[in-house]
C-alpha atoms as a PDB file:
ATOM      1  CA  MET A   1      -4.730  -6.326  -2.876  1.00  0.00           C
ATOM      2  CA  ASP A   2      -0.973  -5.815  -3.086  1.00  0.00           C
ATOM      3  CA  LEU A   3       0.160  -5.924  -6.712  1.00  0.00           C
ATOM      4  CA  ARG A   4       3.844  -5.279  -6.010  1.00  0.00           C
ATOM      5  CA  HIS A   5       6.223  -7.977  -7.249  1.00  0.00           C
ATOM      6  CA  THR A   6       3.552  -9.470  -9.542  1.00  0.00           C
ATOM      7  CA  LEU A   7       3.026  -9.588 -13.295  1.00  0.00           C
ATOM      8  CA  PHE A   8       1.035  -6.348 -12.911  1.00  0.00           C
ATOM      9  CA  GLU A   9       4.219  -4.586 -11.801  1.00  0.00           C
ATOM     10  CA  THR A  10       6.459  -6.338 -14.328  1.00  0.00           C
ATOM     11  CA  LEU A  11       4.261  -5.405 -17.302  1.00  0.00           C
ATOM     12  CA  GLN A  12       3.331  -1.980 -15.839  1.00  0.00           C
ATOM     13  CA  ILE A  13      -0.360  -2.884 -15.841  1.00  0.00           C
ATOM     14  CA  ASP A  14      -2.495  -0.177 -14.273  1.00  0.00           C
ATOM     15  CA  ILE A  15      -6.053  -0.530 -12.979  1.00  0.00           C
ATOM     16  CA  GLN A  16      -8.304   2.154 -14.464  1.00  0.00           C
ATOM     17  CA  GLU A  17     -11.657   0.753 -13.378  1.00  0.00           C
ATOM     18  CA  ALA A  18     -12.537  -2.220 -11.185  1.00  0.00           C
ATOM     19  CA  GLU A  19     -16.201  -3.104 -10.770  1.00  0.00           C
ATOM     20  CA  PRO A  20     -17.773  -6.590 -10.549  1.00  0.00           C
ATOM     21  CA  GLN A  21     -19.259  -6.202 -14.061  1.00  0.00           C
ATOM     22  CA  ARG A  22     -16.402  -4.301 -15.736  1.00  0.00           C
ATOM     23  CA  VAL A  23     -12.645  -4.155 -15.316  1.00  0.00           C
ATOM     24  CA  VAL A  24     -10.442  -1.794 -17.305  1.00  0.00           C
ATOM     25  CA  LEU A  25      -6.662  -2.242 -17.287  1.00  0.00           C
ATOM     26  CA  THR A  26      -3.955  -0.455 -19.268  1.00  0.00           C
ATOM     27  CA  MET A  27      -0.475  -1.587 -20.281  1.00  0.00           C
ATOM     28  CA  PRO A  28       2.144   0.465 -22.112  1.00  0.00           C
ATOM     29  CA  ILE A  29       3.401  -0.997 -25.375  1.00  0.00           C
ATOM     30  CA  ASN A  30       7.172  -0.641 -25.270  1.00  0.00           C
ATOM     31  CA  GLU A  31      10.314  -2.775 -25.514  1.00  0.00           C
ATOM     32  CA  THR A  32       9.348  -4.606 -22.300  1.00  0.00           C
ATOM     33  CA  VAL A  33       6.447  -6.329 -24.092  1.00  0.00           C
ATOM     34  CA  HIS A  34       7.933  -6.589 -27.594  1.00  0.00           C
ATOM     35  CA  GLN A  35       8.724  -9.782 -29.453  1.00  0.00           C
ATOM     36  CA  PRO A  36      12.172  -9.867 -31.162  1.00  0.00           C
ATOM     37  CA  MET A  37      10.912  -8.058 -34.295  1.00  0.00           C
ATOM     38  CA  GLY A  38       9.867  -5.031 -32.234  1.00  0.00           C
ATOM     39  CA  TYR A  39       6.090  -5.537 -32.111  1.00  0.00           C
ATOM     40  CA  LEU A  40       3.735  -6.209 -29.215  1.00  0.00           C
ATOM     41  CA  HIS A  41       4.143  -9.841 -28.169  1.00  0.00           C
ATOM     42  CA  GLY A  42       0.881 -11.802 -28.327  1.00  0.00           C
ATOM     43  CA  GLY A  43       1.699 -13.371 -24.965  1.00  0.00           C
ATOM     44  CA  ALA A  44       1.752  -9.918 -23.357  1.00  0.00           C
ATOM     45  CA  SER A  45      -1.743  -9.247 -24.727  1.00  0.00           C
ATOM     46  CA  VAL A  46      -2.911 -12.595 -23.355  1.00  0.00           C
ATOM     47  CA  ALA A  47      -1.340 -11.817 -19.967  1.00  0.00           C
ATOM     48  CA  LEU A  48      -3.226  -8.506 -19.894  1.00  0.00           C
ATOM     49  CA  ALA A  49      -6.475 -10.245 -20.865  1.00  0.00           C
ATOM     50  CA  GLU A  50      -6.183 -12.941 -18.190  1.00  0.00           C
ATOM     51  CA  SER A  51      -5.227 -10.320 -15.611  1.00  0.00           C
ATOM     52  CA  ALA A  52      -8.390  -8.356 -16.388  1.00  0.00           C
ATOM     53  CA  ALA A  53     -10.624 -11.440 -16.277  1.00  0.00           C
ATOM     54  CA  SER A  54      -9.031 -12.757 -13.086  1.00  0.00           C
ATOM     55  CA  TYR A  55      -9.326  -9.399 -11.365  1.00  0.00           C
ATOM     56  CA  GLY A  56     -12.984  -9.196 -12.368  1.00  0.00           C
ATOM     57  CA  ALA A  57     -13.623 -12.715 -11.090  1.00  0.00           C
ATOM     58  CA  PHE A  58     -11.915 -11.836  -7.811  1.00  0.00           C
ATOM     59  CA  LEU A  59     -14.340  -8.920  -7.396  1.00  0.00           C
ATOM     60  CA  ASN A  60     -17.257 -11.365  -7.651  1.00  0.00           C
ATOM     61  CA  VAL A  61     -16.246 -13.831  -4.926  1.00  0.00           C
ATOM     62  CA  ASP A  62     -15.630 -13.737  -1.201  1.00  0.00           C
ATOM     63  CA  PRO A  63     -11.795 -13.862  -1.156  1.00  0.00           C
ATOM     64  CA  GLU A  64     -11.863 -15.283   2.366  1.00  0.00           C
ATOM     65  CA  ARG A  65     -13.650 -18.370   1.000  1.00  0.00           C
ATOM     66  CA  TYR A  66     -12.595 -18.651  -2.657  1.00  0.00           C
ATOM     67  CA  ASN A  67      -9.610 -18.393  -4.988  1.00  0.00           C
ATOM     68  CA  VAL A  68      -9.953 -17.728  -8.698  1.00  0.00           C
ATOM     69  CA  PHE A  69      -7.694 -19.197 -11.383  1.00  0.00           C
ATOM     70  CA  GLY A  70      -7.573 -19.000 -15.140  1.00  0.00           C
ATOM     71  CA  LEU A  71      -8.666 -22.318 -16.702  1.00  0.00           C
ATOM     72  CA  GLU A  72      -8.637 -21.468 -20.403  1.00  0.00           C
ATOM     73  CA  ILE A  73      -7.936 -18.461 -22.562  1.00  0.00           C
ATOM     74  CA  ASN A  74      -7.992 -17.779 -26.272  1.00  0.00           C
ATOM     75  CA  ALA A  75      -7.023 -14.696 -28.191  1.00  0.00           C
ATOM     76  CA  ASN A  76      -7.284 -13.357 -31.692  1.00  0.00           C
ATOM     77  CA  HIS A  77      -4.556 -10.857 -32.502  1.00  0.00           C
ATOM     78  CA  ILE A  78      -6.178  -8.443 -34.926  1.00  0.00           C
ATOM     79  CA  LYS A  79      -3.589  -5.720 -35.456  1.00  0.00           C
ATOM     80  CA  SER A  80       0.121  -5.332 -34.723  1.00  0.00           C
ATOM     81  CA  LYS A  81       1.456  -2.450 -32.660  1.00  0.00           C
ATOM     82  CA  ARG A  82       4.944  -1.102 -31.801  1.00  0.00           C
ATOM     83  CA  ASP A  83       4.172   1.515 -29.162  1.00  0.00           C
ATOM     84  CA  GLY A  84       1.388   3.325 -27.367  1.00  0.00           C
ATOM     85  CA  MET A  85      -1.072   2.131 -24.761  1.00  0.00           C
ATOM     86  CA  LEU A  86      -3.166  -1.026 -24.738  1.00  0.00           C
ATOM     87  CA  THR A  87      -6.467  -0.861 -22.853  1.00  0.00           C
ATOM     88  CA  ALA A  88      -8.292  -4.057 -21.898  1.00  0.00           C
ATOM     89  CA  VAL A  89     -11.995  -3.973 -21.061  1.00  0.00           C
ATOM     90  CA  ALA A  90     -13.246  -7.174 -19.430  1.00  0.00           C
ATOM     91  CA  THR A  91     -16.945  -7.949 -18.989  1.00  0.00           C
ATOM     92  CA  PRO A  92     -18.558 -11.179 -17.803  1.00  0.00           C
ATOM     93  CA  ILE A  93     -20.385 -13.464 -20.225  1.00  0.00           C
ATOM     94  CA  HIS A  94     -21.229 -16.166 -17.671  1.00  0.00           C
ATOM     95  CA  MET A  95     -21.163 -15.971 -13.865  1.00  0.00           C
ATOM     96  CA  GLY A  96     -21.565 -19.467 -12.464  1.00  0.00           C
ATOM     97  CA  ARG A  97     -20.928 -20.909  -9.044  1.00  0.00           C
ATOM     98  CA  MET A  98     -17.741 -22.742 -10.106  1.00  0.00           C
ATOM     99  CA  THR A  99     -16.770 -21.035 -13.378  1.00  0.00           C
ATOM    100  CA  MET A 100     -16.941 -17.618 -14.975  1.00  0.00           C
ATOM    101  CA  VAL A 101     -16.380 -16.676 -18.600  1.00  0.00           C
ATOM    102  CA  TRP A 102     -15.122 -13.196 -19.439  1.00  0.00           C
ATOM    103  CA  ASP A 103     -14.913 -11.285 -22.727  1.00  0.00           C
ATOM    104  CA  ILE A 104     -11.872  -9.022 -23.044  1.00  0.00           C
ATOM    105  CA  GLN A 105     -11.502  -6.418 -25.796  1.00  0.00           C
ATOM    106  CA  MET A 106      -8.091  -4.752 -26.120  1.00  0.00           C
ATOM    107  CA  LYS A 107      -7.791  -1.486 -27.997  1.00  0.00           C
ATOM    108  CA  ASP A 108      -5.061   1.068 -28.517  1.00  0.00           C
ATOM    109  CA  GLU A 109      -5.079   4.777 -27.793  1.00  0.00           C
ATOM    110  CA  ASP A 110      -6.792   5.387 -31.165  1.00  0.00           C
ATOM    111  CA  ASP A 111      -9.631   2.985 -30.247  1.00  0.00           C
ATOM    112  CA  GLN A 112      -8.346   0.425 -32.785  1.00  0.00           C
ATOM    113  CA  LEU A 113      -9.033  -3.209 -31.870  1.00  0.00           C
ATOM    114  CA  ILE A 114      -5.691  -4.927 -31.294  1.00  0.00           C
ATOM    115  CA  CYS A 115      -6.794  -8.192 -29.700  1.00  0.00           C
ATOM    116  CA  THR A 116      -9.979  -9.912 -28.590  1.00  0.00           C
ATOM    117  CA  SER A 117     -10.014 -12.669 -25.990  1.00  0.00           C
ATOM    118  CA  ARG A 118     -12.265 -14.958 -23.980  1.00  0.00           C
ATOM    119  CA  CYS A 119     -11.134 -16.343 -20.624  1.00  0.00           C
ATOM    120  CA  THR A 120     -12.679 -19.036 -18.435  1.00  0.00           C
ATOM    121  CA  ILE A 121     -12.018 -18.646 -14.719  1.00  0.00           C
ATOM    122  CA  GLY A 122     -12.344 -21.397 -12.138  1.00  0.00           C
ATOM    123  CA  VAL A 123     -13.740 -20.588  -8.691  1.00  0.00           C
ATOM    124  CA  VAL A 124     -12.150 -22.837  -6.077  1.00  0.00           C
ATOM    125  CA  GLU A 125     -13.018 -23.038  -2.404  1.00  0.00           C
ATOM    126  CA  ARG A 126     -10.030 -22.213  -0.215  1.00  0.00           C
ATOM    127  CA  SER A 127      -8.630 -24.964   1.919  1.00  0.00           C
ATOM    128  CA  ASN A 128      -8.566 -24.439   5.704  1.00  0.00           C
ATOM    129  CA  LYS A 129      -5.094 -25.939   5.872  1.00  0.00           C
END
């Protein structure tokens, strides 16, 4: 999968581990992902969470037959952060034929919980057109 010119590249998201039951992504916390007051933007955390869940869902389908898309995501921002590294660990809660639900825990380099999220992914059959 080519991640160039995607949100992965823009946010400097790096894949640390990619297995069907566990995806680990990292993202540096720097001015690129800050809100105007100089802290990690909640939307950047949500983007990291959905990226982890979507990548995990992709690993569980036949990409020749199916696409995966985020349907719903929620996030609880637990702690603010100005710099460092954010690590997202995504694991499946539900693996259905048409939907998947993923749990994503995001921690910093000191293993402090920064954000917790749940993401529902839709599995859609690819059109032959």
